[in-house]
PDB file of N, CA and C in Angstrom:
ATOM      1  N   MET A   1     117.933  64.985  42.896  1.00  0.00           N
ATOM      2  CA  MET A   1     118.279  65.041  44.294  1.00  0.00           C
ATOM      3  C   MET A   1     117.310  64.195  45.122  1.00  0.00           C
ATOM      4  N   ILE A   2     116.061  64.290  44.817  1.00  0.00           N
ATOM      5  CA  ILE A   2     115.065  63.564  45.620  1.00  0.00           C
ATOM      6  C   ILE A   2     115.261  62.047  45.538  1.00  0.00           C
ATOM      7  N   GLU A   3     115.754  61.582  44.398  1.00  0.00           N
ATOM      8  CA  GLU A   3     115.995  60.139  44.261  1.00  0.00           C
ATOM      9  C   GLU A   3     117.081  59.684  45.222  1.00  0.00           C
ATOM     10  N   TYR A   4     118.103  60.501  45.415  1.00  0.00           N
ATOM     11  CA  TYR A   4     119.173  60.157  46.346  1.00  0.00           C
ATOM     12  C   TYR A   4     118.653  60.119  47.782  1.00  0.00           C
ATOM     13  N   LEU A   5     117.772  61.053  48.107  1.00  0.00           N
ATOM     14  CA  LEU A   5     117.188  61.054  49.452  1.00  0.00           C
ATOM     15  C   LEU A   5     116.364  59.790  49.695  1.00  0.00           C
ATOM     16  N   TRP A   6     115.579  59.384  48.684  1.00  0.00           N
ATOM     17  CA  TRP A   6     114.783  58.166  48.837  1.00  0.00           C
ATOM     18  C   TRP A   6     115.678  56.952  49.010  1.00  0.00           C
ATOM     19  N   LYS A   7     116.737  56.879  48.219  1.00  0.00           N
ATOM     20  CA  LYS A   7     117.660  55.741  48.343  1.00  0.00           C
ATOM     21  C   LYS A   7     118.267  55.691  49.738  1.00  0.00           C
ATOM     22  N   ALA A   8     118.652  56.842  50.247  1.00  0.00           N
ATOM     23  CA  ALA A   8     119.208  56.892  51.598  1.00  0.00           C
ATOM     24  C   ALA A   8     118.154  56.500  52.627  1.00  0.00           C
ATOM     25  N   ALA A   9     116.944  56.969  52.463  1.00  0.00           N
ATOM     26  CA  ALA A   9     115.869  56.638  53.408  1.00  0.00           C
ATOM     27  C   ALA A   9     115.614  55.140  53.445  1.00  0.00           C
ATOM     28  N   PHE A  10     115.708  54.486  52.292  1.00  0.00           N
ATOM     29  CA  PHE A  10     115.464  53.042  52.239  1.00  0.00           C
ATOM     30  C   PHE A  10     116.571  52.248  52.946  1.00  0.00           C
ATOM     31  N   VAL A  11     117.714  52.864  53.139  1.00  0.00           N
ATOM     32  CA  VAL A  11     118.779  52.208  53.904  1.00  0.00           C
ATOM     33  C   VAL A  11     118.387  52.145  55.381  1.00  0.00           C
ATOM     34  N   PHE A  12     117.727  53.187  55.855  1.00  0.00           N
ATOM     35  CA  PHE A  12     117.405  53.295  57.274  1.00  0.00           C
ATOM     36  C   PHE A  12     116.050  52.703  57.651  1.00  0.00           C
ATOM     37  N   TYR A  13     115.125  52.662  56.713  1.00  0.00           N
ATOM     38  CA  TYR A  13     113.760  52.223  57.008  1.00  0.00           C
ATOM     39  C   TYR A  13     113.228  51.337  55.892  1.00  0.00           C
ATOM     40  N   TYR A  14     112.197  50.566  56.203  1.00  0.00           N
ATOM     41  CA  TYR A  14     111.529  49.762  55.173  1.00  0.00           C
ATOM     42  C   TYR A  14     110.846  50.690  54.182  1.00  0.00           C
ATOM     43  N   GLN A  15     110.731  50.229  52.940  1.00  0.00           N
ATOM     44  CA  GLN A  15     110.147  51.066  51.892  1.00  0.00           C
ATOM     45  C   GLN A  15     108.700  51.433  52.176  1.00  0.00           C
ATOM     46  N   THR A  16     108.006  50.622  52.917  1.00  0.00           N
ATOM     47  CA  THR A  16     106.597  50.903  53.180  1.00  0.00           C
ATOM     48  C   THR A  16     106.384  51.623  54.509  1.00  0.00           C
ATOM     49  N   SER A  17     107.454  51.953  55.188  1.00  0.00           N
ATOM     50  CA  SER A  17     107.358  52.582  56.492  1.00  0.00           C
ATOM     51  C   SER A  17     106.994  54.062  56.373  1.00  0.00           C
ATOM     52  N   THR A  18     106.159  54.533  57.286  1.00  0.00           N
ATOM     53  CA  THR A  18     105.850  55.969  57.310  1.00  0.00           C
ATOM     54  C   THR A  18     107.071  56.751  57.785  1.00  0.00           C
ATOM     55  N   GLN A  19     107.960  56.092  58.506  1.00  0.00           N
ATOM     56  CA  GLN A  19     109.194  56.744  58.940  1.00  0.00           C
ATOM     57  C   GLN A  19     110.071  57.096  57.737  1.00  0.00           C
ATOM     58  N   THR A  20     110.017  56.265  56.704  1.00  0.00           N
ATOM     59  CA  THR A  20     110.795  56.522  55.491  1.00  0.00           C
ATOM     60  C   THR A  20     110.378  57.848  54.880  1.00  0.00           C
ATOM     61  N   GLU A  21     109.099  58.038  54.736  1.00  0.00           N
ATOM     62  CA  GLU A  21     108.585  59.266  54.136  1.00  0.00           C
ATOM     63  C   GLU A  21     108.900  60.475  55.009  1.00  0.00           C
ATOM     64  N   ALA A  22     108.764  60.322  56.306  1.00  0.00           N
ATOM     65  CA  ALA A  22     109.050  61.430  57.215  1.00  0.00           C
ATOM     66  C   ALA A  22     110.524  61.818  57.160  1.00  0.00           C
ATOM     67  N   TRP A  23     111.408  60.822  57.137  1.00  0.00           N
ATOM     68  CA  TRP A  23     112.844  61.072  57.075  1.00  0.00           C
ATOM     69  C   TRP A  23     113.187  61.830  55.797  1.00  0.00           C
ATOM     70  N   GLU A  24     112.674  61.342  54.673  1.00  0.00           N
ATOM     71  CA  GLU A  24     112.959  61.959  53.380  1.00  0.00           C
ATOM     72  C   GLU A  24     112.365  63.360  53.303  1.00  0.00           C
ATOM     73  N   SER A  25     111.136  63.515  53.744  1.00  0.00           N
ATOM     74  CA  SER A  25     110.461  64.813  53.667  1.00  0.00           C
ATOM     75  C   SER A  25     111.177  65.880  54.484  1.00  0.00           C
ATOM     76  N   LYS A  26     111.644  65.501  55.657  1.00  0.00           N
ATOM     77  CA  LYS A  26     112.339  66.459  56.517  1.00  0.00           C
ATOM     78  C   LYS A  26     113.610  66.958  55.841  1.00  0.00           C
ATOM     79  N   ARG A  27     114.380  66.048  55.261  1.00  0.00           N
ATOM     80  CA  ARG A  27     115.620  66.441  54.613  1.00  0.00           C
ATOM     81  C   ARG A  27     115.377  67.220  53.327  1.00  0.00           C
ATOM     82  N   LEU A  28     114.366  66.843  52.574  1.00  0.00           N
ATOM     83  CA  LEU A  28     114.031  67.587  51.364  1.00  0.00           C
ATOM     84  C   LEU A  28     113.619  69.016  51.719  1.00  0.00           C
ATOM     85  N   GLN A  29     112.832  69.168  52.756  1.00  0.00           N
ATOM     86  CA  GLN A  29     112.411  70.505  53.187  1.00  0.00           C
ATOM     87  C   GLN A  29     113.617  71.361  53.565  1.00  0.00           C
ATOM     88  N   LEU A  30     114.558  70.781  54.292  1.00  0.00           N
ATOM     89  CA  LEU A  30     115.766  71.522  54.663  1.00  0.00           C
ATOM     90  C   LEU A  30     116.556  71.953  53.430  1.00  0.00           C
ATOM     91  N   ILE A  31     116.657  71.061  52.453  1.00  0.00           N
ATOM     92  CA  ILE A  31     117.380  71.389  51.219  1.00  0.00           C
ATOM     93  C   ILE A  31     116.678  72.528  50.487  1.00  0.00           C
ATOM     94  N   LEU A  32     115.364  72.460  50.390  1.00  0.00           N
ATOM     95  CA  LEU A  32     114.611  73.512  49.702  1.00  0.00           C
ATOM     96  C   LEU A  32     114.698  74.846  50.433  1.00  0.00           C
ATOM     97  N   GLU A  33     114.924  74.798  51.736  1.00  0.00           N
ATOM     98  CA  GLU A  33     115.087  76.020  52.527  1.00  0.00           C
ATOM     99  C   GLU A  33     116.520  76.556  52.460  1.00  0.00           C
ATOM    100  N   GLY A  34     117.386  75.887  51.692  1.00  0.00           N
ATOM    101  CA  GLY A  34     118.756  76.336  51.553  1.00  0.00           C
ATOM    102  C   GLY A  34     119.681  75.859  52.656  1.00  0.00           C
ATOM    103  N   LYS A  35     119.273  74.828  53.368  1.00  0.00           N
ATOM    104  CA  LYS A  35     120.065  74.323  54.491  1.00  0.00           C
ATOM    105  C   LYS A  35     120.709  72.977  54.175  1.00  0.00           C
ATOM    106  N   SER A  36     121.113  72.809  52.928  1.00  0.00           N
ATOM    107  CA  SER A  36     121.695  71.529  52.527  1.00  0.00           C
ATOM    108  C   SER A  36     122.989  71.224  53.266  1.00  0.00           C
ATOM    109  N   SER A  37     123.681  72.252  53.728  1.00  0.00           N
ATOM    110  CA  SER A  37     124.934  72.020  54.459  1.00  0.00           C
ATOM    111  C   SER A  37     124.697  71.317  55.791  1.00  0.00           C
ATOM    112  N   SER A  38     123.480  71.343  56.292  1.00  0.00           N
ATOM    113  CA  SER A  38     123.182  70.597  57.521  1.00  0.00           C
ATOM    114  C   SER A  38     122.648  69.203  57.211  1.00  0.00           C
ATOM    115  N   VAL A  39     122.173  69.005  56.000  1.00  0.00           N
ATOM    116  CA  VAL A  39     121.625  67.696  55.621  1.00  0.00           C
ATOM    117  C   VAL A  39     122.750  66.700  55.349  1.00  0.00           C
ATOM    118  N   ALA A  40     123.732  67.112  54.580  1.00  0.00           N
ATOM    119  CA  ALA A  40     124.812  66.202  54.186  1.00  0.00           C
ATOM    120  C   ALA A  40     125.545  65.593  55.381  1.00  0.00           C
ATOM    121  N   PRO A  41     125.990  66.380  56.364  1.00  0.00           N
ATOM    122  CA  PRO A  41     126.681  65.763  57.497  1.00  0.00           C
ATOM    123  C   PRO A  41     125.749  64.920  58.370  1.00  0.00           C
ATOM    124  N   GLY A  42     124.478  65.208  58.330  1.00  0.00           N
ATOM    125  CA  GLY A  42     123.530  64.461  59.156  1.00  0.00           C
ATOM    126  C   GLY A  42     123.243  63.060  58.651  1.00  0.00           C
ATOM    127  N   MET A  43     123.466  62.832  57.371  1.00  0.00           N
ATOM    128  CA  MET A  43     123.166  61.507  56.818  1.00  0.00           C
ATOM    129  C   MET A  43     124.067  60.420  57.393  1.00  0.00           C
ATOM    130  N   PRO A  44     125.372  60.620  57.485  1.00  0.00           N
ATOM    131  CA  PRO A  44     126.187  59.580  58.131  1.00  0.00           C
ATOM    132  C   PRO A  44     125.807  59.373  59.600  1.00  0.00           C
ATOM    133  N   ARG A  45     125.417  60.459  60.262  1.00  0.00           N
ATOM    134  CA  ARG A  45     124.977  60.320  61.658  1.00  0.00           C
ATOM    135  C   ARG A  45     123.718  59.476  61.761  1.00  0.00           C
ATOM    136  N   SER A  46     122.866  59.550  60.761  1.00  0.00           N
ATOM    137  CA  SER A  46     121.662  58.722  60.758  1.00  0.00           C
ATOM    138  C   SER A  46     122.016  57.240  60.737  1.00  0.00           C
ATOM    139  N   ALA A  47     123.176  56.932  60.194  1.00  0.00           N
ATOM    140  CA  ALA A  47     123.622  55.536  60.143  1.00  0.00           C
ATOM    141  C   ALA A  47     124.358  55.131  61.409  1.00  0.00           C
ATOM    142  N   THR A  48     125.109  56.050  61.995  1.00  0.00           N
ATOM    143  CA  THR A  48     125.924  55.678  63.154  1.00  0.00           C
ATOM    144  C   THR A  48     125.150  55.703  64.462  1.00  0.00           C
ATOM    145  N   LEU A  49     124.164  56.568  64.596  1.00  0.00           N
ATOM    146  CA  LEU A  49     123.413  56.621  65.854  1.00  0.00           C
ATOM    147  C   LEU A  49     122.688  55.326  66.167  1.00  0.00           C
ATOM    148  N   PRO A  50     121.993  54.703  65.169  1.00  0.00           N
ATOM    149  CA  PRO A  50     121.359  53.421  65.476  1.00  0.00           C
ATOM    150  C   PRO A  50     122.331  52.236  65.333  1.00  0.00           C
ATOM    151  N   LYS A  51     123.632  52.573  65.163  1.00  0.00           N
ATOM    152  CA  LYS A  51     124.686  51.557  65.048  1.00  0.00           C
ATOM    153  C   LYS A  51     124.506  50.621  63.857  1.00  0.00           C
ATOM    154  N   LEU A  52     124.111  51.205  62.713  1.00  0.00           N
ATOM    155  CA  LEU A  52     124.022  50.428  61.478  1.00  0.00           C
ATOM    156  C   LEU A  52     125.430  50.117  61.005  1.00  0.00           C
ATOM    157  N   THR A  53     125.591  48.971  60.409  1.00  0.00           N
ATOM    158  CA  THR A  53     126.896  48.585  59.873  1.00  0.00           C
ATOM    159  C   THR A  53     126.737  48.246  58.406  1.00  0.00           C
ATOM    160  N   PRO A  54     127.813  48.378  57.635  1.00  0.00           N
ATOM    161  CA  PRO A  54     127.737  48.019  56.228  1.00  0.00           C
ATOM    162  C   PRO A  54     127.497  46.523  56.076  1.00  0.00           C
ATOM    163  N   PRO A  55     126.820  46.119  55.002  1.00  0.00           N
ATOM    164  CA  PRO A  55     126.595  44.686  54.783  1.00  0.00           C
ATOM    165  C   PRO A  55     127.917  43.971  54.511  1.00  0.00           C
ATOM    166  N   THR A  56     128.005  42.741  54.948  1.00  0.00           N
ATOM    167  CA  THR A  56     129.207  41.961  54.682  1.00  0.00           C
ATOM    168  C   THR A  56     129.035  41.209  53.378  1.00  0.00           C
ATOM    169  N   THR A  57     130.132  41.034  52.673  1.00  0.00           N
ATOM    170  CA  THR A  57     130.063  40.314  51.386  1.00  0.00           C
ATOM    171  C   THR A  57     130.775  39.017  51.469  1.00  0.00           C
TER     172      THR A  57
END
């Protein structure tokens, strides 16, 4: 599970960013607290709020 969180975090932030670790840690903590149902819907929102778009091919 943690690997998926890291992969998602790297979509939103640079790998060396402290924001990456904070983003991942917050979601991991919620999952460990049994609140995974709030984490899953929040991930797409993390992409839409800053208006991220999928890469073009």
